[in-house]
Amino acid sequence: PGAADEALVALIGEVPWDRRGWTVLVTDDRALTERARSA
C-alpha cells in the first residue's frame, strides 16, 4: 500500500527543479498532495 504515492513523488523528483512548476499531480489524497507541493 502506498507504493504508487512513493512512485509519484519520485517522478516529481526526476523533474529539474525549475520545471516542477510545469508539473501537475492529480489526486484527492491529502498526504500525497502535501508531499507533491513540498517537492
PDB file of all heavy atoms in Angstrom:
ATOM      1  N   PRO A   1       0.828  -1.205   0.000  1.00  0.00           N
ATOM      2  CA  PRO A   1       0.000   0.000   0.000  1.00  0.00           C
ATOM      3  C   PRO A   1       0.865   1.258   0.000  1.00  0.00           C
ATOM      4  O   PRO A   1       1.877   1.330   0.692  1.00  0.00           O
ATOM      5  CB  PRO A   1      -0.799  -0.116   1.303  1.00  0.00           C
ATOM      6  CG  PRO A   1      -0.760  -1.563   1.657  1.00  0.00           C
ATOM      7  CD  PRO A   1       0.542  -2.093   1.122  1.00  0.00           C
ATOM      8  N   GLY A   2       0.465   2.219  -0.779  1.00  0.00           N
ATOM      9  CA  GLY A   2       1.205   3.477  -0.831  1.00  0.00           C
ATOM     10  C   GLY A   2       2.361   3.483  -1.805  1.00  0.00           C
ATOM     11  O   GLY A   2       3.030   4.503  -1.967  1.00  0.00           O
ATOM     12  N   ALA A   3       2.610   2.372  -2.477  1.00  0.00           N
ATOM     13  CA  ALA A   3       3.738   2.308  -3.407  1.00  0.00           C
ATOM     14  C   ALA A   3       3.569   3.306  -4.542  1.00  0.00           C
ATOM     15  O   ALA A   3       4.544   3.926  -4.985  1.00  0.00           O
ATOM     16  CB  ALA A   3       3.914   0.894  -3.945  1.00  0.00           C
ATOM     17  N   ALA A   4       2.344   3.489  -5.018  1.00  0.00           N
ATOM     18  CA  ALA A   4       2.116   4.459  -6.095  1.00  0.00           C
ATOM     19  C   ALA A   4       2.418   5.875  -5.612  1.00  0.00           C
ATOM     20  O   ALA A   4       2.969   6.678  -6.369  1.00  0.00           O
ATOM     21  CB  ALA A   4       0.687   4.355  -6.618  1.00  0.00           C
ATOM     22  N   ASP A   5       2.082   6.188  -4.371  1.00  0.00           N
ATOM     23  CA  ASP A   5       2.398   7.514  -3.824  1.00  0.00           C
ATOM     24  C   ASP A   5       3.906   7.753  -3.870  1.00  0.00           C
ATOM     25  O   ASP A   5       4.367   8.823  -4.279  1.00  0.00           O
ATOM     26  CB  ASP A   5       1.906   7.646  -2.384  1.00  0.00           C
ATOM     27  CG  ASP A   5       0.394   7.637  -2.263  1.00  0.00           C
ATOM     28  OD1 ASP A   5      -0.299   7.459  -3.288  1.00  0.00           O
ATOM     29  OD2 ASP A   5      -0.088   7.799  -1.132  1.00  0.00           O
ATOM     30  N   GLU A   6       4.659   6.755  -3.443  1.00  0.00           N
ATOM     31  CA  GLU A   6       6.125   6.865  -3.473  1.00  0.00           C
ATOM     32  C   GLU A   6       6.628   7.060  -4.895  1.00  0.00           C
ATOM     33  O   GLU A   6       7.519   7.871  -5.150  1.00  0.00           O
ATOM     34  CB  GLU A   6       6.775   5.634  -2.846  1.00  0.00           C
ATOM     35  CG  GLU A   6       6.471   5.438  -1.377  1.00  0.00           C
ATOM     36  CD  GLU A   6       6.889   6.613  -0.514  1.00  0.00           C
ATOM     37  OE1 GLU A   6       7.966   7.196  -0.754  1.00  0.00           O
ATOM     38  OE2 GLU A   6       6.130   6.964   0.409  1.00  0.00           O
ATOM     39  N   ALA A   7       6.054   6.292  -5.832  1.00  0.00           N
ATOM     40  CA  ALA A   7       6.462   6.394  -7.230  1.00  0.00           C
ATOM     41  C   ALA A   7       6.138   7.774  -7.802  1.00  0.00           C
ATOM     42  O   ALA A   7       6.942   8.352  -8.545  1.00  0.00           O
ATOM     43  CB  ALA A   7       5.784   5.302  -8.051  1.00  0.00           C
ATOM     44  N   LEU A   8       4.981   8.324  -7.456  1.00  0.00           N
ATOM     45  CA  LEU A   8       4.605   9.649  -7.943  1.00  0.00           C
ATOM     46  C   LEU A   8       5.545  10.730  -7.410  1.00  0.00           C
ATOM     47  O   LEU A   8       5.980  11.611  -8.159  1.00  0.00           O
ATOM     48  CB  LEU A   8       3.152   9.952  -7.570  1.00  0.00           C
ATOM     49  CG  LEU A   8       2.118   9.161  -8.378  1.00  0.00           C
ATOM     50  CD1 LEU A   8       0.769   9.137  -7.660  1.00  0.00           C
ATOM     51  CD2 LEU A   8       1.976   9.728  -9.789  1.00  0.00           C
ATOM     52  N   VAL A   9       5.874  10.661  -6.134  1.00  0.00           N
ATOM     53  CA  VAL A   9       6.808  11.638  -5.555  1.00  0.00           C
ATOM     54  C   VAL A   9       8.186  11.489  -6.200  1.00  0.00           C
ATOM     55  O   VAL A   9       8.856  12.483  -6.487  1.00  0.00           O
ATOM     56  CB  VAL A   9       6.868  11.504  -4.019  1.00  0.00           C
ATOM     57  CG1 VAL A   9       7.961  12.387  -3.435  1.00  0.00           C
ATOM     58  CG2 VAL A   9       5.518  11.869  -3.404  1.00  0.00           C
ATOM     59  N   ALA A  10       8.603  10.255  -6.470  1.00  0.00           N
ATOM     60  CA  ALA A  10       9.887  10.025  -7.136  1.00  0.00           C
ATOM     61  C   ALA A  10       9.881  10.610  -8.551  1.00  0.00           C
ATOM     62  O   ALA A  10      10.887  11.178  -9.001  1.00  0.00           O
ATOM     63  CB  ALA A  10      10.206   8.538  -7.176  1.00  0.00           C
ATOM     64  N   LEU A  11       8.754  10.488  -9.259  1.00  0.00           N
ATOM     65  CA  LEU A  11       8.660  11.081 -10.596  1.00  0.00           C
ATOM     66  C   LEU A  11       8.806  12.596 -10.546  1.00  0.00           C
ATOM     67  O   LEU A  11       9.450  13.202 -11.395  1.00  0.00           O
ATOM     68  CB  LEU A  11       7.331  10.696 -11.255  1.00  0.00           C
ATOM     69  CG  LEU A  11       7.235   9.271 -11.772  1.00  0.00           C
ATOM     70  CD1 LEU A  11       5.788   8.928 -12.127  1.00  0.00           C
ATOM     71  CD2 LEU A  11       8.143   9.077 -12.983  1.00  0.00           C
ATOM     72  N   ILE A  12       8.207  13.208  -9.545  1.00  0.00           N
ATOM     73  CA  ILE A  12       8.373  14.656  -9.376  1.00  0.00           C
ATOM     74  C   ILE A  12       9.849  14.973  -9.156  1.00  0.00           C
ATOM     75  O   ILE A  12      10.384  15.922  -9.725  1.00  0.00           O
ATOM     76  CB  ILE A  12       7.515  15.187  -8.209  1.00  0.00           C
ATOM     77  CG1 ILE A  12       6.034  15.039  -8.542  1.00  0.00           C
ATOM     78  CG2 ILE A  12       7.865  16.644  -7.883  1.00  0.00           C
ATOM     79  CD1 ILE A  12       5.104  15.224  -7.353  1.00  0.00           C
ATOM     80  N   GLY A  13      10.512  14.163  -8.342  1.00  0.00           N
ATOM     81  CA  GLY A  13      11.930  14.375  -8.058  1.00  0.00           C
ATOM     82  C   GLY A  13      12.831  14.245  -9.273  1.00  0.00           C
ATOM     83  O   GLY A  13      13.929  14.794  -9.300  1.00  0.00           O
ATOM     84  N   GLU A  14      12.377  13.552 -10.303  1.00  0.00           N
ATOM     85  CA  GLU A  14      13.155  13.401 -11.536  1.00  0.00           C
ATOM     86  C   GLU A  14      13.082  14.640 -12.425  1.00  0.00           C
ATOM     87  O   GLU A  14      13.890  14.809 -13.327  1.00  0.00           O
ATOM     88  CB  GLU A  14      12.667  12.186 -12.331  1.00  0.00           C
ATOM     89  CG  GLU A  14      12.949  10.866 -11.653  1.00  0.00           C
ATOM     90  CD  GLU A  14      12.330   9.681 -12.384  1.00  0.00           C
ATOM     91  OE1 GLU A  14      11.825   9.865 -13.517  1.00  0.00           O
ATOM     92  OE2 GLU A  14      12.338   8.580 -11.813  1.00  0.00           O
ATOM     93  N   VAL A  15      12.103  15.496 -12.171  1.00  0.00           N
ATOM     94  CA  VAL A  15      11.933  16.712 -12.964  1.00  0.00           C
ATOM     95  C   VAL A  15      12.895  17.773 -12.426  1.00  0.00           C
ATOM     96  O   VAL A  15      12.952  17.987 -11.208  1.00  0.00           O
ATOM     97  CB  VAL A  15      10.468  17.219 -12.861  1.00  0.00           C
ATOM     98  CG1 VAL A  15      10.293  18.545 -13.586  1.00  0.00           C
ATOM     99  CG2 VAL A  15       9.503  16.161 -13.389  1.00  0.00           C
ATOM    100  N   PRO A  16      13.645  18.453 -13.296  1.00  0.00           N
ATOM    101  CA  PRO A  16      14.515  19.529 -12.801  1.00  0.00           C
ATOM    102  C   PRO A  16      13.701  20.553 -12.002  1.00  0.00           C
ATOM    103  O   PRO A  16      12.551  20.848 -12.346  1.00  0.00           O
ATOM    104  CB  PRO A  16      15.074  20.159 -14.081  1.00  0.00           C
ATOM    105  CG  PRO A  16      14.961  19.083 -15.119  1.00  0.00           C
ATOM    106  CD  PRO A  16      13.728  18.295 -14.749  1.00  0.00           C
ATOM    107  N   TRP A  17      14.299  21.057 -10.939  1.00  0.00           N
ATOM    108  CA  TRP A  17      13.588  21.952 -10.021  1.00  0.00           C
ATOM    109  C   TRP A  17      12.884  23.089 -10.747  1.00  0.00           C
ATOM    110  O   TRP A  17      11.727  23.402 -10.460  1.00  0.00           O
ATOM    111  CB  TRP A  17      14.545  22.489  -8.956  1.00  0.00           C
ATOM    112  CG  TRP A  17      13.829  23.360  -7.976  1.00  0.00           C
ATOM    113  CD1 TRP A  17      13.807  24.718  -7.932  1.00  0.00           C
ATOM    114  CD2 TRP A  17      12.968  22.919  -6.915  1.00  0.00           C
ATOM    115  NE1 TRP A  17      13.005  25.156  -6.902  1.00  0.00           N
ATOM    116  CE2 TRP A  17      12.476  24.070  -6.253  1.00  0.00           C
ATOM    117  CE3 TRP A  17      12.571  21.675  -6.446  1.00  0.00           C
ATOM    118  CZ2 TRP A  17      11.608  24.013  -5.174  1.00  0.00           C
ATOM    119  CZ3 TRP A  17      11.709  21.626  -5.360  1.00  0.00           C
ATOM    120  CH2 TRP A  17      11.247  22.782  -4.731  1.00  0.00           C
ATOM    121  N   ASP A  18      13.559  23.708 -11.717  1.00  0.00           N
ATOM    122  CA  ASP A  18      12.958  24.857 -12.404  1.00  0.00           C
ATOM    123  C   ASP A  18      11.810  24.468 -13.338  1.00  0.00           C
ATOM    124  O   ASP A  18      11.115  25.343 -13.844  1.00  0.00           O
ATOM    125  CB  ASP A  18      14.021  25.658 -13.162  1.00  0.00           C
ATOM    126  CG  ASP A  18      14.667  24.884 -14.291  1.00  0.00           C
ATOM    127  OD1 ASP A  18      14.687  23.634 -14.250  1.00  0.00           O
ATOM    128  OD2 ASP A  18      15.170  25.537 -15.225  1.00  0.00           O
ATOM    129  N   ARG A  19      11.552  23.190 -13.559  1.00  0.00           N
ATOM    130  CA  ARG A  19      10.438  22.723 -14.393  1.00  0.00           C
ATOM    131  C   ARG A  19       9.298  22.141 -13.559  1.00  0.00           C
ATOM    132  O   ARG A  19       8.258  21.790 -14.102  1.00  0.00           O
ATOM    133  CB  ARG A  19      10.911  21.662 -15.396  1.00  0.00           C
ATOM    134  CG  ARG A  19      11.915  22.142 -16.407  1.00  0.00           C
ATOM    135  CD  ARG A  19      11.440  23.233 -17.316  1.00  0.00           C
ATOM    136  NE  ARG A  19      10.173  22.907 -17.968  1.00  0.00           N
ATOM    137  CZ  ARG A  19       9.342  23.799 -18.468  1.00  0.00           C
ATOM    138  NH1 ARG A  19       9.610  25.080 -18.396  1.00  0.00           N
ATOM    139  NH2 ARG A  19       8.223  23.431 -19.042  1.00  0.00           N
ATOM    140  N   ARG A  20       9.477  22.016 -12.265  1.00  0.00           N
ATOM    141  CA  ARG A  20       8.443  21.396 -11.438  1.00  0.00           C
ATOM    142  C   ARG A  20       7.169  22.228 -11.377  1.00  0.00           C
ATOM    143  O   ARG A  20       6.096  21.702 -11.137  1.00  0.00           O
ATOM    144  CB  ARG A  20       8.971  21.100 -10.036  1.00  0.00           C
ATOM    145  CG  ARG A  20      10.013  20.003 -10.068  1.00  0.00           C
ATOM    146  CD  ARG A  20      10.479  19.620  -8.703  1.00  0.00           C
ATOM    147  NE  ARG A  20      11.655  18.763  -8.824  1.00  0.00           N
ATOM    148  CZ  ARG A  20      12.318  18.275  -7.804  1.00  0.00           C
ATOM    149  NH1 ARG A  20      11.929  18.556  -6.564  1.00  0.00           N
ATOM    150  NH2 ARG A  20      13.376  17.516  -8.000  1.00  0.00           N
ATOM    151  N   GLY A  21       7.253  23.504 -11.598  1.00  0.00           N
ATOM    152  CA  GLY A  21       6.070  24.352 -11.663  1.00  0.00           C
ATOM    153  C   GLY A  21       5.223  24.088 -12.904  1.00  0.00           C
ATOM    154  O   GLY A  21       4.121  24.593 -13.030  1.00  0.00           O
ATOM    155  N   TRP A  22       5.746  23.288 -13.824  1.00  0.00           N
ATOM    156  CA  TRP A  22       5.031  22.881 -15.029  1.00  0.00           C
ATOM    157  C   TRP A  22       4.551  21.433 -14.893  1.00  0.00           C
ATOM    158  O   TRP A  22       4.137  20.796 -15.858  1.00  0.00           O
ATOM    159  CB  TRP A  22       5.924  23.009 -16.255  1.00  0.00           C
ATOM    160  CG  TRP A  22       6.229  24.432 -16.582  1.00  0.00           C
ATOM    161  CD1 TRP A  22       7.224  25.204 -16.039  1.00  0.00           C
ATOM    162  CD2 TRP A  22       5.544  25.261 -17.496  1.00  0.00           C
ATOM    163  NE1 TRP A  22       7.186  26.466 -16.568  1.00  0.00           N
ATOM    164  CE2 TRP A  22       6.157  26.520 -17.482  1.00  0.00           C
ATOM    165  CE3 TRP A  22       4.459  25.062 -18.341  1.00  0.00           C
ATOM    166  CZ2 TRP A  22       5.724  27.577 -18.267  1.00  0.00           C
ATOM    167  CZ3 TRP A  22       4.030  26.112 -19.143  1.00  0.00           C
ATOM    168  CH2 TRP A  22       4.662  27.360 -19.087  1.00  0.00           C
ATOM    169  N   THR A  23       4.638  20.904 -13.670  1.00  0.00           N
ATOM    170  CA  THR A  23       4.230  19.527 -13.375  1.00  0.00           C
ATOM    171  C   THR A  23       3.014  19.573 -12.468  1.00  0.00           C
ATOM    172  O   THR A  23       3.019  20.263 -11.455  1.00  0.00           O
ATOM    173  CB  THR A  23       5.381  18.773 -12.668  1.00  0.00           C
ATOM    174  OG1 THR A  23       6.523  18.775 -13.517  1.00  0.00           O
ATOM    175  CG2 THR A  23       4.987  17.354 -12.324  1.00  0.00           C
ATOM    176  N   VAL A  24       1.981  18.808 -12.832  1.00  0.00           N
ATOM    177  CA  VAL A  24       0.748  18.768 -12.049  1.00  0.00           C
ATOM    178  C   VAL A  24       0.477  17.326 -11.630  1.00  0.00           C
ATOM    179  O   VAL A  24       0.498  16.425 -12.457  1.00  0.00           O
ATOM    180  CB  VAL A  24      -0.456  19.307 -12.859  1.00  0.00           C
ATOM    181  CG1 VAL A  24      -1.765  19.085 -12.104  1.00  0.00           C
ATOM    182  CG2 VAL A  24      -0.274  20.783 -13.175  1.00  0.00           C
ATOM    183  N   LEU A  25       0.216  17.144 -10.350  1.00  0.00           N
ATOM    184  CA  LEU A  25      -0.211  15.854  -9.814  1.00  0.00           C
ATOM    185  C   LEU A  25      -1.695  15.937  -9.508  1.00  0.00           C
ATOM    186  O   LEU A  25      -2.144  16.867  -8.840  1.00  0.00           O
ATOM    187  CB  LEU A  25       0.553  15.512  -8.532  1.00  0.00           C
ATOM    188  CG  LEU A  25       0.024  14.292  -7.768  1.00  0.00           C
ATOM    189  CD1 LEU A  25       0.256  13.008  -8.554  1.00  0.00           C
ATOM    190  CD2 LEU A  25       0.637  14.202  -6.396  1.00  0.00           C
ATOM    191  N   VAL A  26      -2.451  14.942  -9.997  1.00  0.00           N
ATOM    192  CA  VAL A  26      -3.894  14.895  -9.761  1.00  0.00           C
ATOM    193  C   VAL A  26      -4.194  13.800  -8.746  1.00  0.00           C
ATOM    194  O   VAL A  26      -3.918  12.623  -8.992  1.00  0.00           O
ATOM    195  CB  VAL A  26      -4.664  14.627 -11.071  1.00  0.00           C
ATOM    196  CG1 VAL A  26      -6.153  14.543 -10.789  1.00  0.00           C
ATOM    197  CG2 VAL A  26      -4.372  15.707 -12.092  1.00  0.00           C
ATOM    198  N   THR A  27      -4.745  14.208  -7.601  1.00  0.00           N
ATOM    199  CA  THR A  27      -5.113  13.278  -6.537  1.00  0.00           C
ATOM    200  C   THR A  27      -6.036  13.981  -5.556  1.00  0.00           C
ATOM    201  O   THR A  27      -6.026  15.215  -5.473  1.00  0.00           O
ATOM    202  CB  THR A  27      -3.869  12.747  -5.803  1.00  0.00           C
ATOM    203  OG1 THR A  27      -4.255  11.729  -4.878  1.00  0.00           O
ATOM    204  CG2 THR A  27      -3.123  13.845  -5.065  1.00  0.00           C
ATOM    205  N   ASP A  28      -6.792  13.201  -4.814  1.00  0.00           N
ATOM    206  CA  ASP A  28      -7.552  13.746  -3.684  1.00  0.00           C
ATOM    207  C   ASP A  28      -6.935  13.307  -2.367  1.00  0.00           C
ATOM    208  O   ASP A  28      -7.482  13.589  -1.301  1.00  0.00           O
ATOM    209  CB  ASP A  28      -9.022  13.299  -3.745  1.00  0.00           C
ATOM    210  CG  ASP A  28      -9.856  14.138  -4.697  1.00  0.00           C
ATOM    211  OD1 ASP A  28      -9.365  15.168  -5.194  1.00  0.00           O
ATOM    212  OD2 ASP A  28     -11.013  13.760  -4.958  1.00  0.00           O
ATOM    213  N   ASP A  29      -5.807  12.629  -2.426  1.00  0.00           N
ATOM    214  CA  ASP A  29      -5.095  12.153  -1.243  1.00  0.00           C
ATOM    215  C   ASP A  29      -4.364  13.346  -0.612  1.00  0.00           C
ATOM    216  O   ASP A  29      -3.450  13.909  -1.212  1.00  0.00           O
ATOM    217  CB  ASP A  29      -4.106  11.062  -1.675  1.00  0.00           C
ATOM    218  CG  ASP A  29      -3.296  10.490  -0.538  1.00  0.00           C
ATOM    219  OD1 ASP A  29      -2.788  11.267   0.304  1.00  0.00           O
ATOM    220  OD2 ASP A  29      -3.137   9.265  -0.510  1.00  0.00           O
ATOM    221  N   ARG A  30      -4.783  13.735   0.574  1.00  0.00           N
ATOM    222  CA  ARG A  30      -4.226  14.940   1.220  1.00  0.00           C
ATOM    223  C   ARG A  30      -2.739  14.816   1.529  1.00  0.00           C
ATOM    224  O   ARG A  30      -1.977  15.758   1.320  1.00  0.00           O
ATOM    225  CB  ARG A  30      -4.989  15.252   2.496  1.00  0.00           C
ATOM    226  CG  ARG A  30      -6.364  15.772   2.229  1.00  0.00           C
ATOM    227  CD  ARG A  30      -7.070  16.134   3.508  1.00  0.00           C
ATOM    228  NE  ARG A  30      -8.433  16.544   3.222  1.00  0.00           N
ATOM    229  CZ  ARG A  30      -9.375  16.588   4.114  1.00  0.00           C
ATOM    230  NH1 ARG A  30      -9.121  16.283   5.373  1.00  0.00           N
ATOM    231  NH2 ARG A  30     -10.584  16.972   3.787  1.00  0.00           N
ATOM    232  N   ALA A  31      -2.325  13.667   2.041  1.00  0.00           N
ATOM    233  CA  ALA A  31      -0.909  13.490   2.379  1.00  0.00           C
ATOM    234  C   ALA A  31      -0.050  13.544   1.119  1.00  0.00           C
ATOM    235  O   ALA A  31       1.019  14.168   1.110  1.00  0.00           O
ATOM    236  CB  ALA A  31      -0.701  12.170   3.119  1.00  0.00           C
ATOM    237  N   LEU A  32      -0.506  12.906   0.057  1.00  0.00           N
ATOM    238  CA  LEU A  32       0.245  12.935  -1.201  1.00  0.00           C
ATOM    239  C   LEU A  32       0.272  14.346  -1.773  1.00  0.00           C
ATOM    240  O   LEU A  32       1.299  14.790  -2.294  1.00  0.00           O
ATOM    241  CB  LEU A  32      -0.370  11.943  -2.197  1.00  0.00           C
ATOM    242  CG  LEU A  32       0.290  11.880  -3.571  1.00  0.00           C
ATOM    243  CD1 LEU A  32       1.784  11.566  -3.468  1.00  0.00           C
ATOM    244  CD2 LEU A  32      -0.431  10.853  -4.446  1.00  0.00           C
ATOM    245  N   THR A  33      -0.824  15.055  -1.660  1.00  0.00           N
ATOM    246  CA  THR A  33      -0.869  16.449  -2.125  1.00  0.00           C
ATOM    247  C   THR A  33       0.198  17.278  -1.429  1.00  0.00           C
ATOM    248  O   THR A  33       0.936  18.031  -2.075  1.00  0.00           O
ATOM    249  CB  THR A  33      -2.270  17.050  -1.875  1.00  0.00           C
ATOM    250  OG1 THR A  33      -3.212  16.348  -2.682  1.00  0.00           O
ATOM    251  CG2 THR A  33      -2.319  18.528  -2.196  1.00  0.00           C
ATOM    252  N   GLU A  34       0.301  17.157  -0.127  1.00  0.00           N
ATOM    253  CA  GLU A  34       1.303  17.927   0.622  1.00  0.00           C
ATOM    254  C   GLU A  34       2.724  17.545   0.226  1.00  0.00           C
ATOM    255  O   GLU A  34       3.590  18.411   0.083  1.00  0.00           O
ATOM    256  CB  GLU A  34       1.092  17.754   2.124  1.00  0.00           C
ATOM    257  CG  GLU A  34      -0.155  18.454   2.634  1.00  0.00           C
ATOM    258  CD  GLU A  34      -0.200  19.933   2.257  1.00  0.00           C
ATOM    259  OE1 GLU A  34       0.810  20.648   2.432  1.00  0.00           O
ATOM    260  OE2 GLU A  34      -1.256  20.380   1.766  1.00  0.00           O
ATOM    261  N   ARG A  35       2.965  16.259   0.054  1.00  0.00           N
ATOM    262  CA  ARG A  35       4.301  15.810  -0.369  1.00  0.00           C
ATOM    263  C   ARG A  35       4.657  16.356  -1.747  1.00  0.00           C
ATOM    264  O   ARG A  35       5.799  16.786  -1.979  1.00  0.00           O
ATOM    265  CB  ARG A  35       4.378  14.284  -0.359  1.00  0.00           C
ATOM    266  CG  ARG A  35       4.326  13.707   1.048  1.00  0.00           C
ATOM    267  CD  ARG A  35       4.360  12.208   1.029  1.00  0.00           C
ATOM    268  NE  ARG A  35       5.659  11.755   0.533  1.00  0.00           N
ATOM    269  CZ  ARG A  35       5.897  10.527   0.102  1.00  0.00           C
ATOM    270  NH1 ARG A  35       4.936   9.617   0.099  1.00  0.00           N
ATOM    271  NH2 ARG A  35       7.093  10.187  -0.331  1.00  0.00           N
ATOM    272  N   ALA A  36       3.700  16.341  -2.659  1.00  0.00           N
ATOM    273  CA  ALA A  36       3.950  16.844  -4.013  1.00  0.00           C
ATOM    274  C   ALA A  36       4.233  18.344  -3.995  1.00  0.00           C
ATOM    275  O   ALA A  36       5.160  18.817  -4.664  1.00  0.00           O
ATOM    276  CB  ALA A  36       2.758  16.536  -4.914  1.00  0.00           C
ATOM    277  N   ARG A  37       3.465  19.074  -3.216  1.00  0.00           N
ATOM    278  CA  ARG A  37       3.692  20.521  -3.116  1.00  0.00           C
ATOM    279  C   ARG A  37       5.054  20.824  -2.507  1.00  0.00           C
ATOM    280  O   ARG A  37       5.749  21.737  -2.952  1.00  0.00           O
ATOM    281  CB  ARG A  37       2.583  21.170  -2.296  1.00  0.00           C
ATOM    282  CG  ARG A  37       1.267  21.242  -3.028  1.00  0.00           C
ATOM    283  CD  ARG A  37       0.193  21.854  -2.179  1.00  0.00           C
ATOM    284  NE  ARG A  37      -1.082  21.894  -2.892  1.00  0.00           N
ATOM    285  CZ  ARG A  37      -2.236  22.072  -2.315  1.00  0.00           C
ATOM    286  NH1 ARG A  37      -2.314  22.276  -1.009  1.00  0.00           N
ATOM    287  NH2 ARG A  37      -3.343  22.085  -3.027  1.00  0.00           N
ATOM    288  N   SER A  38       5.426  20.060  -1.495  1.00  0.00           N
ATOM    289  CA  SER A  38       6.741  20.249  -0.871  1.00  0.00           C
ATOM    290  C   SER A  38       7.872  19.967  -1.854  1.00  0.00           C
ATOM    291  O   SER A  38       8.944  20.557  -1.760  1.00  0.00           O
ATOM    292  CB  SER A  38       6.896  19.342   0.346  1.00  0.00           C
ATOM    293  OG  SER A  38       6.023  19.748   1.368  1.00  0.00           O
ATOM    294  N   ALA A  39       7.611  19.062  -2.805  1.00  0.00           N
ATOM    295  CA  ALA A  39       8.612  18.716  -3.815  1.00  0.00           C
ATOM    296  C   ALA A  39       8.623  19.710  -4.977  1.00  0.00           C
ATOM    297  O   ALA A  39       9.458  19.604  -5.868  1.00  0.00           O
ATOM    298  CB  ALA A  39       8.356  17.305  -4.338  1.00  0.00           C
TER     299      ALA A  39
END
